[in-house]
Amino acid sequence: MTEPAKTNWKQTLGSMLMLIVVLASLAAFLWFVIQQIGNLDSNVAAAAIGATATVMVSAFAIFLGRYFERRRDLEAAAREKRIPLYEDFIEFWFRQLYADRLGEQPASKQELMKVMVDFTRVATVWASDEVILKWKEVRMRFAILEALREALQEAGAEPEGTAAVEPLFVFEEFLMSIRRDTGYPKTKLAKGDLLGMFIDDIGTYLSKLKEESPPTNP
């Protein structure tokens, strides 16, 4: 059974503040009731305290139950939107990657743009912050790579080294963020593990990145 997706700090803070306000209101009401009961006969006061405590406990239990039920409903609704979105998006990219092997026609630029726009539109509402930030980085990296490729084509060259490979690993980080958003927050997959599912020579690219990375200071 997968773990529920994590909420962000703003949602958590808002929920805590609401709970504090409710608890403070209940405490104030209980203090008022206790003061009033103190002026009653001891037998009457004991009965009143027991009845009040029963009512307060029941009310608090109902409040907590409905609060957590609402949170579960919201998380379930968000998951129902996120999972189909991510599945459709990943299915499209895999079909794009394997179009030649499947004997299919790759998507046109217009089709690619439509998929990206549709994904961005739905992700704006339902995706986690991490997924949105990674998607933004993916688009930026591939836009830079495309501009570099167009500039080099005029000289009859192609991007080489890190410039050509790094966007793939940014895309992998984006896929990792999708996995975390759908129930795998503690994934143990390392760099290159997801790409290795559809890029046979990913080890060569990893070695190339290591060679080009500047040495770290001891």
N, C-alpha and C. Protein backbone atom coordinates (compact mmCIF):
# COMPACT_ATOMS: atom_id res chain seq x y z
N MET A 1 0.85 -1.19 0.00
CA MET A 1 0.00 0.00 0.00
C MET A 1 0.88 1.23 0.00
N THR A 2 0.62 2.18 -0.90
CA THR A 2 1.49 3.35 -1.01
C THR A 2 1.19 4.35 0.09
N GLU A 3 2.20 5.15 0.42
CA GLU A 3 2.05 6.17 1.43
C GLU A 3 1.34 7.36 0.84
N PRO A 4 0.57 8.13 1.61
CA PRO A 4 -0.11 9.31 1.08
C PRO A 4 0.89 10.37 0.70
N ALA A 5 0.54 11.14 -0.33
CA ALA A 5 1.43 12.22 -0.76
C ALA A 5 1.52 13.27 0.33
N LYS A 6 2.68 13.86 0.48
CA LYS A 6 2.90 14.86 1.52
C LYS A 6 2.27 16.19 1.15
N THR A 7 1.75 16.92 2.15
CA THR A 7 1.25 18.26 1.92
C THR A 7 2.38 19.24 2.15
N ASN A 8 2.24 20.44 1.60
CA ASN A 8 3.32 21.42 1.76
C ASN A 8 3.19 22.13 3.10
N TRP A 9 4.20 22.97 3.41
CA TRP A 9 4.26 23.59 4.74
C TRP A 9 3.14 24.60 4.96
N LYS A 10 2.64 25.25 3.88
CA LYS A 10 1.55 26.21 4.04
C LYS A 10 0.27 25.51 4.46
N GLN A 11 -0.01 24.36 3.85
CA GLN A 11 -1.20 23.60 4.23
C GLN A 11 -1.11 23.13 5.67
N THR A 12 0.08 22.63 6.05
CA THR A 12 0.28 22.14 7.42
C THR A 12 0.13 23.27 8.43
N LEU A 13 0.74 24.44 8.14
CA LEU A 13 0.65 25.58 9.05
C LEU A 13 -0.79 26.05 9.20
N GLY A 14 -1.52 26.13 8.08
CA GLY A 14 -2.92 26.56 8.14
C GLY A 14 -3.76 25.61 8.97
N SER A 15 -3.52 24.32 8.80
CA SER A 15 -4.27 23.32 9.56
C SER A 15 -3.97 23.43 11.05
N MET A 16 -2.69 23.64 11.39
CA MET A 16 -2.31 23.76 12.80
C MET A 16 -2.94 25.00 13.43
N LEU A 17 -2.93 26.12 12.70
CA LEU A 17 -3.51 27.35 13.24
C LEU A 17 -5.01 27.18 13.48
N MET A 18 -5.70 26.54 12.56
CA MET A 18 -7.13 26.31 12.72
C MET A 18 -7.40 25.44 13.95
N LEU A 19 -6.56 24.40 14.11
CA LEU A 19 -6.74 23.51 15.26
C LEU A 19 -6.48 24.25 16.57
N ILE A 20 -5.46 25.12 16.59
CA ILE A 20 -5.15 25.90 17.80
C ILE A 20 -6.30 26.83 18.16
N VAL A 21 -6.89 27.48 17.15
CA VAL A 21 -8.02 28.39 17.40
C VAL A 21 -9.20 27.63 18.00
N VAL A 22 -9.49 26.46 17.45
CA VAL A 22 -10.61 25.65 17.95
C VAL A 22 -10.34 25.20 19.40
N LEU A 23 -9.12 24.74 19.65
CA LEU A 23 -8.77 24.29 21.01
C LEU A 23 -8.85 25.44 22.01
N ALA A 24 -8.37 26.62 21.59
CA ALA A 24 -8.42 27.79 22.48
C ALA A 24 -9.87 28.17 22.79
N SER A 25 -10.72 28.10 21.78
CA SER A 25 -12.14 28.43 21.99
C SER A 25 -12.79 27.42 22.93
N LEU A 26 -12.48 26.15 22.75
CA LEU A 26 -13.03 25.12 23.64
C LEU A 26 -12.54 25.31 25.08
N ALA A 27 -11.25 25.66 25.23
CA ALA A 27 -10.69 25.88 26.57
C ALA A 27 -11.36 27.06 27.26
N ALA A 28 -11.59 28.14 26.50
CA ALA A 28 -12.25 29.31 27.08
C ALA A 28 -13.68 28.98 27.52
N PHE A 29 -14.38 28.23 26.66
CA PHE A 29 -15.75 27.84 27.00
C PHE A 29 -15.77 26.94 28.23
N LEU A 30 -14.82 26.01 28.29
CA LEU A 30 -14.76 25.08 29.43
C LEU A 30 -14.46 25.83 30.71
N TRP A 31 -13.57 26.81 30.65
CA TRP A 31 -13.24 27.61 31.83
C TRP A 31 -14.47 28.38 32.32
N PHE A 32 -15.23 28.91 31.39
CA PHE A 32 -16.45 29.64 31.75
C PHE A 32 -17.45 28.71 32.44
N VAL A 33 -17.60 27.50 31.87
CA VAL A 33 -18.53 26.53 32.44
C VAL A 33 -18.09 26.14 33.85
N ILE A 34 -16.80 25.90 34.05
CA ILE A 34 -16.27 25.51 35.37
C ILE A 34 -16.55 26.59 36.40
N GLN A 35 -16.35 27.85 35.99
CA GLN A 35 -16.62 28.97 36.92
C GLN A 35 -18.09 28.99 37.33
N GLN A 36 -18.97 28.74 36.38
CA GLN A 36 -20.40 28.74 36.70
C GLN A 36 -20.78 27.56 37.58
N ILE A 37 -20.17 26.41 37.30
CA ILE A 37 -20.47 25.21 38.09
C ILE A 37 -19.99 25.39 39.54
N GLY A 38 -18.91 26.14 39.73
CA GLY A 38 -18.37 26.34 41.07
C GLY A 38 -19.34 27.02 42.01
N ASN A 39 -20.32 27.70 41.46
CA ASN A 39 -21.30 28.40 42.30
C ASN A 39 -22.50 27.51 42.65
N LEU A 40 -22.51 26.28 42.13
CA LEU A 40 -23.64 25.38 42.38
C LEU A 40 -23.38 24.49 43.60
N ASP A 41 -24.44 23.79 44.04
CA ASP A 41 -24.33 22.78 45.10
C ASP A 41 -23.36 21.69 44.65
N SER A 42 -22.66 21.07 45.61
CA SER A 42 -21.61 20.10 45.27
C SER A 42 -22.15 18.92 44.46
N ASN A 43 -23.31 18.38 44.85
CA ASN A 43 -23.87 17.24 44.11
C ASN A 43 -24.28 17.65 42.69
N VAL A 44 -24.91 18.80 42.61
CA VAL A 44 -25.33 19.32 41.30
C VAL A 44 -24.10 19.63 40.45
N ALA A 45 -23.06 20.18 41.10
CA ALA A 45 -21.84 20.54 40.38
C ALA A 45 -21.16 19.30 39.82
N ALA A 46 -21.12 18.21 40.62
CA ALA A 46 -20.48 16.98 40.16
C ALA A 46 -21.21 16.42 38.95
N ALA A 47 -22.54 16.42 39.00
CA ALA A 47 -23.32 15.91 37.87
C ALA A 47 -23.13 16.79 36.63
N ALA A 48 -23.07 18.11 36.87
CA ALA A 48 -22.90 19.03 35.75
C ALA A 48 -21.53 18.87 35.12
N ILE A 49 -20.51 18.67 35.95
CA ILE A 49 -19.16 18.48 35.42
C ILE A 49 -19.08 17.22 34.57
N GLY A 50 -19.70 16.13 35.07
CA GLY A 50 -19.70 14.88 34.30
C GLY A 50 -20.40 15.03 32.97
N ALA A 51 -21.56 15.71 32.98
CA ALA A 51 -22.32 15.90 31.73
C ALA A 51 -21.56 16.79 30.77
N THR A 52 -20.95 17.85 31.33
CA THR A 52 -20.20 18.77 30.47
C THR A 52 -19.00 18.08 29.84
N ALA A 53 -18.29 17.29 30.65
CA ALA A 53 -17.11 16.59 30.13
C ALA A 53 -17.50 15.62 29.02
N THR A 54 -18.63 14.92 29.22
CA THR A 54 -19.09 13.98 28.19
C THR A 54 -19.40 14.70 26.88
N VAL A 55 -20.09 15.84 27.00
CA VAL A 55 -20.45 16.61 25.81
C VAL A 55 -19.20 17.15 25.11
N MET A 56 -18.25 17.68 25.91
CA MET A 56 -17.02 18.25 25.34
C MET A 56 -16.19 17.19 24.63
N VAL A 57 -16.05 16.04 25.27
CA VAL A 57 -15.25 14.96 24.66
C VAL A 57 -15.90 14.50 23.37
N SER A 58 -17.22 14.34 23.39
CA SER A 58 -17.93 13.90 22.19
C SER A 58 -17.80 14.91 21.06
N ALA A 59 -17.95 16.20 21.42
CA ALA A 59 -17.86 17.25 20.40
C ALA A 59 -16.45 17.31 19.81
N PHE A 60 -15.44 17.17 20.69
CA PHE A 60 -14.06 17.22 20.22
C PHE A 60 -13.74 16.02 19.33
N ALA A 61 -14.26 14.85 19.72
CA ALA A 61 -14.03 13.65 18.92
C ALA A 61 -14.66 13.78 17.55
N ILE A 62 -15.88 14.35 17.49
CA ILE A 62 -16.55 14.55 16.20
C ILE A 62 -15.78 15.53 15.34
N PHE A 63 -15.30 16.62 15.99
CA PHE A 63 -14.54 17.62 15.24
C PHE A 63 -13.27 17.02 14.63
N LEU A 64 -12.51 16.27 15.45
CA LEU A 64 -11.28 15.66 14.95
C LEU A 64 -11.56 14.66 13.84
N GLY A 65 -12.61 13.88 14.03
CA GLY A 65 -12.97 12.89 13.02
C GLY A 65 -13.29 13.54 11.69
N ARG A 66 -14.08 14.62 11.74
CA ARG A 66 -14.44 15.30 10.49
C ARG A 66 -13.24 16.03 9.89
N TYR A 67 -12.38 16.57 10.74
CA TYR A 67 -11.18 17.27 10.25
C TYR A 67 -10.28 16.31 9.46
N PHE A 68 -9.97 15.15 10.06
CA PHE A 68 -9.10 14.20 9.38
C PHE A 68 -9.79 13.55 8.19
N GLU A 69 -11.09 13.39 8.27
CA GLU A 69 -11.83 12.84 7.14
C GLU A 69 -11.78 13.81 5.96
N ARG A 70 -11.90 15.10 6.24
CA ARG A 70 -11.83 16.10 5.17
C ARG A 70 -10.45 16.12 4.53
N ARG A 71 -9.41 16.00 5.36
CA ARG A 71 -8.05 15.97 4.81
C ARG A 71 -7.85 14.75 3.92
N ARG A 72 -8.35 13.60 4.35
CA ARG A 72 -8.25 12.40 3.52
C ARG A 72 -8.99 12.56 2.20
N ASP A 73 -10.16 13.21 2.27
CA ASP A 73 -10.95 13.42 1.05
C ASP A 73 -10.21 14.34 0.08
N LEU A 74 -9.61 15.40 0.63
CA LEU A 74 -8.86 16.33 -0.22
C LEU A 74 -7.65 15.65 -0.86
N GLU A 75 -6.94 14.84 -0.09
CA GLU A 75 -5.78 14.14 -0.62
C GLU A 75 -6.20 13.12 -1.68
N ALA A 76 -7.33 12.43 -1.42
CA ALA A 76 -7.82 11.45 -2.40
C ALA A 76 -8.24 12.14 -3.69
N ALA A 77 -8.89 13.31 -3.57
CA ALA A 77 -9.32 14.05 -4.76
C ALA A 77 -8.11 14.52 -5.57
N ALA A 78 -7.09 15.01 -4.86
CA ALA A 78 -5.87 15.46 -5.55
C ALA A 78 -5.17 14.30 -6.24
N ARG A 79 -5.14 13.15 -5.57
CA ARG A 79 -4.49 11.98 -6.16
C ARG A 79 -5.23 11.50 -7.40
N GLU A 80 -6.56 11.57 -7.36
CA GLU A 80 -7.35 11.16 -8.52
C GLU A 80 -7.06 12.03 -9.73
N LYS A 81 -6.67 13.29 -9.49
CA LYS A 81 -6.32 14.18 -10.60
C LYS A 81 -4.88 13.99 -11.03
N ARG A 82 -3.98 13.78 -10.06
CA ARG A 82 -2.55 13.72 -10.37
C ARG A 82 -2.17 12.45 -11.12
N ILE A 83 -2.63 11.31 -10.63
CA ILE A 83 -2.15 10.04 -11.19
C ILE A 83 -2.51 9.90 -12.68
N PRO A 84 -3.76 10.14 -13.11
CA PRO A 84 -4.03 10.07 -14.55
C PRO A 84 -3.21 11.08 -15.35
N LEU A 85 -3.01 12.27 -14.78
CA LEU A 85 -2.20 13.29 -15.46
C LEU A 85 -0.79 12.78 -15.71
N TYR A 86 -0.17 12.22 -14.67
CA TYR A 86 1.21 11.74 -14.80
C TYR A 86 1.28 10.51 -15.71
N GLU A 87 0.31 9.61 -15.58
CA GLU A 87 0.32 8.41 -16.41
C GLU A 87 0.20 8.75 -17.90
N ASP A 88 -0.72 9.66 -18.24
CA ASP A 88 -0.89 10.07 -19.63
C ASP A 88 0.36 10.75 -20.17
N PHE A 89 0.97 11.59 -19.33
CA PHE A 89 2.16 12.32 -19.75
C PHE A 89 3.32 11.37 -20.02
N ILE A 90 3.56 10.44 -19.09
CA ILE A 90 4.67 9.50 -19.25
C ILE A 90 4.40 8.56 -20.41
N GLU A 91 3.15 8.13 -20.59
CA GLU A 91 2.82 7.27 -21.73
C GLU A 91 3.13 7.97 -23.04
N PHE A 92 2.81 9.26 -23.13
CA PHE A 92 3.09 10.01 -24.35
C PHE A 92 4.59 10.05 -24.65
N TRP A 93 5.39 10.34 -23.60
CA TRP A 93 6.82 10.46 -23.83
C TRP A 93 7.46 9.12 -24.17
N PHE A 94 6.97 8.04 -23.61
CA PHE A 94 7.51 6.73 -23.97
C PHE A 94 7.15 6.36 -25.40
N ARG A 95 5.94 6.68 -25.81
CA ARG A 95 5.56 6.41 -27.20
C ARG A 95 6.37 7.27 -28.15
N GLN A 96 6.70 8.46 -27.70
CA GLN A 96 7.53 9.34 -28.52
C GLN A 96 8.95 8.77 -28.65
N LEU A 97 9.49 8.26 -27.55
CA LEU A 97 10.84 7.71 -27.55
C LEU A 97 10.93 6.44 -28.40
N TYR A 98 9.87 5.64 -28.37
CA TYR A 98 9.89 4.35 -29.07
C TYR A 98 9.10 4.37 -30.38
N ALA A 99 8.80 5.57 -30.88
CA ALA A 99 7.98 5.66 -32.08
C ALA A 99 8.58 4.88 -33.24
N ASP A 100 9.89 5.01 -33.47
CA ASP A 100 10.55 4.31 -34.58
C ASP A 100 10.44 2.80 -34.41
N ARG A 101 10.71 2.30 -33.21
CA ARG A 101 10.67 0.86 -32.96
C ARG A 101 9.25 0.30 -33.05
N LEU A 102 8.27 1.15 -32.72
CA LEU A 102 6.88 0.71 -32.78
C LEU A 102 6.27 0.90 -34.16
N GLY A 103 7.05 1.48 -35.06
CA GLY A 103 6.54 1.73 -36.41
C GLY A 103 5.50 2.83 -36.46
N GLU A 104 5.60 3.79 -35.53
CA GLU A 104 4.64 4.87 -35.48
C GLU A 104 5.29 6.19 -35.89
N GLN A 105 4.46 7.15 -36.22
CA GLN A 105 4.95 8.47 -36.60
C GLN A 105 5.17 9.30 -35.33
N PRO A 106 6.37 9.88 -35.15
CA PRO A 106 6.58 10.75 -33.98
C PRO A 106 5.63 11.94 -33.99
N ALA A 107 5.34 12.45 -32.81
CA ALA A 107 4.42 13.59 -32.70
C ALA A 107 5.02 14.82 -33.37
N SER A 108 4.16 15.63 -33.95
CA SER A 108 4.61 16.88 -34.56
C SER A 108 4.87 17.93 -33.48
N LYS A 109 5.45 19.06 -33.90
CA LYS A 109 5.71 20.13 -32.93
C LYS A 109 4.41 20.65 -32.33
N GLN A 110 3.35 20.70 -33.13
CA GLN A 110 2.06 21.16 -32.61
C GLN A 110 1.52 20.18 -31.56
N GLU A 111 1.66 18.88 -31.82
CA GLU A 111 1.20 17.88 -30.85
C GLU A 111 2.02 17.94 -29.56
N LEU A 112 3.34 18.12 -29.72
CA LEU A 112 4.19 18.26 -28.54
C LEU A 112 3.78 19.47 -27.71
N MET A 113 3.52 20.58 -28.39
CA MET A 113 3.12 21.80 -27.69
C MET A 113 1.80 21.60 -26.96
N LYS A 114 0.85 20.91 -27.60
CA LYS A 114 -0.45 20.67 -26.96
C LYS A 114 -0.29 19.83 -25.70
N VAL A 115 0.53 18.79 -25.76
CA VAL A 115 0.75 17.94 -24.59
C VAL A 115 1.37 18.76 -23.46
N MET A 116 2.35 19.58 -23.78
CA MET A 116 3.01 20.39 -22.77
C MET A 116 2.06 21.41 -22.16
N VAL A 117 1.24 22.04 -23.00
CA VAL A 117 0.29 23.03 -22.49
C VAL A 117 -0.76 22.37 -21.60
N ASP A 118 -1.30 21.23 -22.06
CA ASP A 118 -2.31 20.52 -21.26
C ASP A 118 -1.74 20.06 -19.92
N PHE A 119 -0.51 19.54 -19.95
CA PHE A 119 0.10 19.09 -18.70
C PHE A 119 0.30 20.27 -17.75
N THR A 120 0.83 21.38 -18.29
CA THR A 120 1.08 22.55 -17.46
C THR A 120 -0.21 23.09 -16.86
N ARG A 121 -1.28 23.08 -17.64
CA ARG A 121 -2.57 23.61 -17.17
C ARG A 121 -3.09 22.81 -15.98
N VAL A 122 -3.09 21.49 -16.08
CA VAL A 122 -3.62 20.66 -14.99
C VAL A 122 -2.65 20.62 -13.81
N ALA A 123 -1.35 20.57 -14.12
CA ALA A 123 -0.35 20.51 -13.04
C ALA A 123 -0.37 21.78 -12.20
N THR A 124 -0.73 22.91 -12.79
CA THR A 124 -0.79 24.17 -12.05
C THR A 124 -1.73 24.06 -10.85
N VAL A 125 -2.78 23.27 -11.00
CA VAL A 125 -3.77 23.13 -9.92
C VAL A 125 -3.45 21.96 -9.00
N TRP A 126 -3.02 20.81 -9.58
CA TRP A 126 -2.98 19.57 -8.81
C TRP A 126 -1.59 19.05 -8.48
N ALA A 127 -0.56 19.44 -9.19
CA ALA A 127 0.78 18.90 -8.94
C ALA A 127 1.38 19.51 -7.69
N SER A 128 2.34 18.79 -7.10
CA SER A 128 3.05 19.31 -5.93
C SER A 128 4.00 20.42 -6.35
N ASP A 129 4.48 21.20 -5.37
CA ASP A 129 5.45 22.26 -5.66
C ASP A 129 6.70 21.69 -6.33
N GLU A 130 7.15 20.54 -5.84
CA GLU A 130 8.38 19.94 -6.37
C GLU A 130 8.23 19.59 -7.85
N VAL A 131 7.10 19.01 -8.22
CA VAL A 131 6.86 18.63 -9.62
C VAL A 131 6.82 19.88 -10.49
N ILE A 132 6.15 20.92 -10.04
CA ILE A 132 6.05 22.15 -10.82
C ILE A 132 7.42 22.77 -11.04
N LEU A 133 8.25 22.82 -9.99
CA LEU A 133 9.59 23.41 -10.12
C LEU A 133 10.47 22.58 -11.04
N LYS A 134 10.38 21.26 -10.95
CA LYS A 134 11.17 20.40 -11.82
C LYS A 134 10.71 20.50 -13.28
N TRP A 135 9.40 20.60 -13.49
CA TRP A 135 8.87 20.75 -14.84
C TRP A 135 9.35 22.08 -15.45
N LYS A 136 9.37 23.11 -14.64
CA LYS A 136 9.88 24.40 -15.11
C LYS A 136 11.34 24.28 -15.52
N GLU A 137 12.14 23.57 -14.71
CA GLU A 137 13.56 23.39 -15.02
C GLU A 137 13.75 22.55 -16.28
N VAL A 138 12.93 21.50 -16.45
CA VAL A 138 13.02 20.67 -17.65
C VAL A 138 12.79 21.50 -18.90
N ARG A 139 11.74 22.30 -18.89
CA ARG A 139 11.43 23.12 -20.06
C ARG A 139 12.55 24.11 -20.35
N MET A 140 13.11 24.70 -19.30
CA MET A 140 14.19 25.67 -19.49
C MET A 140 15.43 24.99 -20.07
N ARG A 141 15.81 23.82 -19.53
CA ARG A 141 17.01 23.12 -20.00
C ARG A 141 16.89 22.69 -21.45
N PHE A 142 15.72 22.15 -21.82
CA PHE A 142 15.55 21.70 -23.20
C PHE A 142 15.42 22.87 -24.17
N ALA A 143 14.88 23.99 -23.70
CA ALA A 143 14.82 25.18 -24.55
C ALA A 143 16.24 25.69 -24.83
N ILE A 144 17.09 25.67 -23.79
CA ILE A 144 18.49 26.10 -23.97
C ILE A 144 19.21 25.15 -24.92
N LEU A 145 18.98 23.83 -24.75
CA LEU A 145 19.62 22.85 -25.61
C LEU A 145 19.18 23.02 -27.06
N GLU A 146 17.89 23.27 -27.27
CA GLU A 146 17.38 23.46 -28.62
C GLU A 146 17.98 24.70 -29.27
N ALA A 147 18.10 25.78 -28.51
CA ALA A 147 18.71 27.01 -29.04
C ALA A 147 20.18 26.77 -29.38
N LEU A 148 20.88 26.00 -28.53
CA LEU A 148 22.29 25.68 -28.79
C LEU A 148 22.42 24.82 -30.04
N ARG A 149 21.52 23.84 -30.19
CA ARG A 149 21.56 22.96 -31.36
C ARG A 149 21.34 23.76 -32.66
N GLU A 150 20.38 24.68 -32.63
CA GLU A 150 20.11 25.48 -33.82
C GLU A 150 21.29 26.37 -34.17
N ALA A 151 21.96 26.91 -33.15
CA ALA A 151 23.12 27.76 -33.40
C ALA A 151 24.28 26.95 -33.98
N LEU A 152 24.47 25.72 -33.46
CA LEU A 152 25.58 24.90 -33.93
C LEU A 152 25.31 24.30 -35.31
N GLN A 153 24.05 24.12 -35.65
CA GLN A 153 23.74 23.55 -36.96
C GLN A 153 24.23 24.43 -38.10
N GLU A 154 24.26 25.72 -37.87
CA GLU A 154 24.76 26.63 -38.89
C GLU A 154 26.24 26.38 -39.17
N ALA A 155 26.95 25.86 -38.15
CA ALA A 155 28.37 25.55 -38.34
C ALA A 155 28.58 24.07 -38.65
N GLY A 156 27.48 23.33 -38.85
CA GLY A 156 27.57 21.91 -39.15
C GLY A 156 28.01 21.07 -37.99
N ALA A 157 27.66 21.47 -36.74
CA ALA A 157 28.07 20.73 -35.54
C ALA A 157 26.84 20.39 -34.70
N GLU A 158 27.08 19.57 -33.68
CA GLU A 158 26.03 19.16 -32.75
C GLU A 158 26.53 19.38 -31.32
N PRO A 159 25.62 19.64 -30.38
CA PRO A 159 26.04 19.77 -28.98
C PRO A 159 26.73 18.51 -28.49
N GLU A 160 27.78 18.67 -27.72
CA GLU A 160 28.52 17.52 -27.20
C GLU A 160 28.70 17.66 -25.70
N GLY A 161 29.10 16.55 -25.09
CA GLY A 161 29.45 16.56 -23.66
C GLY A 161 28.25 16.85 -22.78
N THR A 162 28.51 17.58 -21.69
CA THR A 162 27.49 17.84 -20.68
C THR A 162 26.28 18.56 -21.24
N ALA A 163 26.51 19.49 -22.19
CA ALA A 163 25.41 20.27 -22.75
C ALA A 163 24.35 19.38 -23.37
N ALA A 164 24.76 18.26 -23.97
CA ALA A 164 23.81 17.37 -24.64
C ALA A 164 23.21 16.35 -23.70
N VAL A 165 23.86 16.07 -22.59
CA VAL A 165 23.43 14.98 -21.71
C VAL A 165 22.67 15.45 -20.48
N GLU A 166 23.09 16.55 -19.90
CA GLU A 166 22.53 17.01 -18.62
C GLU A 166 21.01 17.17 -18.64
N PRO A 167 20.39 17.69 -19.73
CA PRO A 167 18.92 17.80 -19.71
C PRO A 167 18.22 16.47 -19.48
N LEU A 168 18.84 15.36 -19.92
CA LEU A 168 18.24 14.05 -19.69
C LEU A 168 18.15 13.74 -18.19
N PHE A 169 19.18 14.11 -17.45
CA PHE A 169 19.18 13.84 -16.01
C PHE A 169 18.24 14.79 -15.27
N VAL A 170 18.04 16.00 -15.81
CA VAL A 170 17.03 16.89 -15.24
C VAL A 170 15.64 16.30 -15.46
N PHE A 171 15.42 15.71 -16.64
CA PHE A 171 14.15 15.04 -16.92
C PHE A 171 13.96 13.86 -15.97
N GLU A 172 15.03 13.15 -15.67
CA GLU A 172 14.94 12.04 -14.73
C GLU A 172 14.55 12.55 -13.34
N GLU A 173 15.11 13.68 -12.91
CA GLU A 173 14.74 14.26 -11.62
C GLU A 173 13.26 14.62 -11.60
N PHE A 174 12.77 15.07 -12.74
CA PHE A 174 11.34 15.38 -12.87
C PHE A 174 10.51 14.11 -12.70
N LEU A 175 10.95 13.00 -13.31
CA LEU A 175 10.25 11.73 -13.14
C LEU A 175 10.30 11.26 -11.69
N MET A 176 11.43 11.49 -11.01
CA MET A 176 11.56 11.14 -9.59
C MET A 176 10.54 11.93 -8.75
N SER A 177 10.40 13.21 -9.07
CA SER A 177 9.45 14.04 -8.31
C SER A 177 8.02 13.56 -8.53
N ILE A 178 7.72 13.06 -9.73
CA ILE A 178 6.40 12.48 -10.00
C ILE A 178 6.19 11.24 -9.13
N ARG A 179 7.21 10.39 -9.04
CA ARG A 179 7.10 9.19 -8.21
C ARG A 179 6.84 9.57 -6.75
N ARG A 180 7.53 10.58 -6.26
CA ARG A 180 7.32 11.00 -4.87
C ARG A 180 5.90 11.56 -4.68
N ASP A 181 5.40 12.24 -5.71
CA ASP A 181 4.09 12.85 -5.60
C ASP A 181 2.96 11.84 -5.68
N THR A 182 3.25 10.64 -6.16
CA THR A 182 2.23 9.62 -6.29
C THR A 182 2.35 8.50 -5.26
N GLY A 183 3.25 8.68 -4.27
CA GLY A 183 3.27 7.72 -3.17
C GLY A 183 4.58 7.06 -2.86
N TYR A 184 5.70 7.56 -3.43
CA TYR A 184 7.02 6.97 -3.14
C TYR A 184 7.97 8.06 -2.65
N PRO A 185 7.68 8.67 -1.48
CA PRO A 185 8.52 9.78 -1.00
C PRO A 185 9.92 9.33 -0.59
N LYS A 186 10.12 8.03 -0.32
CA LYS A 186 11.42 7.55 0.14
C LYS A 186 12.07 6.65 -0.91
N THR A 187 11.91 7.01 -2.18
CA THR A 187 12.48 6.20 -3.24
C THR A 187 14.00 6.10 -3.09
N LYS A 188 14.55 4.93 -3.37
CA LYS A 188 15.99 4.69 -3.24
C LYS A 188 16.68 4.62 -4.60
N LEU A 189 15.98 5.00 -5.65
CA LEU A 189 16.58 4.99 -6.98
C LEU A 189 17.68 6.05 -7.08
N ALA A 190 18.78 5.68 -7.69
CA ALA A 190 19.92 6.59 -7.83
C ALA A 190 19.89 7.23 -9.21
N LYS A 191 20.80 8.19 -9.41
CA LYS A 191 20.91 8.88 -10.69
C LYS A 191 21.19 7.88 -11.80
N GLY A 192 20.39 7.93 -12.84
CA GLY A 192 20.57 7.03 -13.97
C GLY A 192 19.70 5.79 -13.93
N ASP A 193 19.10 5.47 -12.78
CA ASP A 193 18.30 4.24 -12.67
C ASP A 193 17.04 4.29 -13.52
N LEU A 194 16.33 5.42 -13.49
CA LEU A 194 15.13 5.54 -14.32
C LEU A 194 15.48 5.66 -15.80
N LEU A 195 16.51 6.45 -16.10
CA LEU A 195 16.91 6.60 -17.51
C LEU A 195 17.39 5.26 -18.07
N GLY A 196 18.00 4.44 -17.22
CA GLY A 196 18.49 3.15 -17.66
C GLY A 196 17.41 2.22 -18.13
N MET A 197 16.13 2.52 -17.81
CA MET A 197 15.03 1.69 -18.25
C MET A 197 14.78 1.84 -19.75
N PHE A 198 15.20 2.98 -20.33
CA PHE A 198 14.96 3.17 -21.76
C PHE A 198 16.17 3.74 -22.52
N ILE A 199 17.30 3.95 -21.84
CA ILE A 199 18.53 4.36 -22.51
C ILE A 199 19.59 3.31 -22.18
N ASP A 200 19.94 2.51 -23.16
CA ASP A 200 20.82 1.35 -22.93
C ASP A 200 22.22 1.75 -22.47
N ASP A 201 22.75 2.83 -23.03
CA ASP A 201 24.14 3.19 -22.72
C ASP A 201 24.22 4.34 -21.71
N ILE A 202 23.28 4.35 -20.76
CA ILE A 202 23.27 5.43 -19.78
C ILE A 202 24.54 5.46 -18.94
N GLY A 203 25.16 4.29 -18.73
CA GLY A 203 26.41 4.25 -17.97
C GLY A 203 27.51 5.07 -18.63
N THR A 204 27.53 5.09 -19.97
CA THR A 204 28.52 5.88 -20.69
C THR A 204 28.32 7.37 -20.41
N TYR A 205 27.05 7.80 -20.40
CA TYR A 205 26.75 9.20 -20.12
C TYR A 205 27.12 9.58 -18.69
N LEU A 206 26.86 8.68 -17.75
CA LEU A 206 27.23 8.95 -16.36
C LEU A 206 28.73 9.11 -16.22
N SER A 207 29.49 8.25 -16.90
CA SER A 207 30.96 8.35 -16.85
C SER A 207 31.43 9.66 -17.46
N LYS A 208 30.77 10.07 -18.55
CA LYS A 208 31.15 11.32 -19.21
C LYS A 208 30.91 12.51 -18.30
N LEU A 209 29.78 12.49 -17.59
CA LEU A 209 29.48 13.58 -16.66
C LEU A 209 30.50 13.63 -15.53
N LYS A 210 30.92 12.46 -15.03
CA LYS A 210 31.92 12.42 -13.96
C LYS A 210 33.24 13.00 -14.43
N GLU A 211 33.62 12.67 -15.65
CA GLU A 211 34.89 13.16 -16.20
C GLU A 211 34.87 14.68 -16.36
N GLU A 212 33.71 15.22 -16.75
CA GLU A 212 33.63 16.65 -16.99
C GLU A 212 33.32 17.47 -15.74
N SER A 213 32.92 16.78 -14.66
CA SER A 213 32.63 17.49 -13.42
C SER A 213 33.91 17.99 -12.78
N PRO A 214 33.90 19.25 -12.27
CA PRO A 214 35.11 19.76 -11.61
C PRO A 214 35.39 19.02 -10.32
N PRO A 215 36.64 18.81 -9.97
CA PRO A 215 36.96 18.09 -8.72
C PRO A 215 36.52 18.86 -7.52
N THR A 216 36.06 18.14 -6.50
CA THR A 216 35.62 18.79 -5.26
C THR A 216 36.80 19.02 -4.35
N ASN A 217 36.77 20.14 -3.64
CA ASN A 217 37.85 20.45 -2.70
C ASN A 217 37.76 19.57 -1.47
N PRO A 218 38.89 19.07 -0.97
CA PRO A 218 38.84 18.22 0.22
C PRO A 218 38.45 19.02 1.45
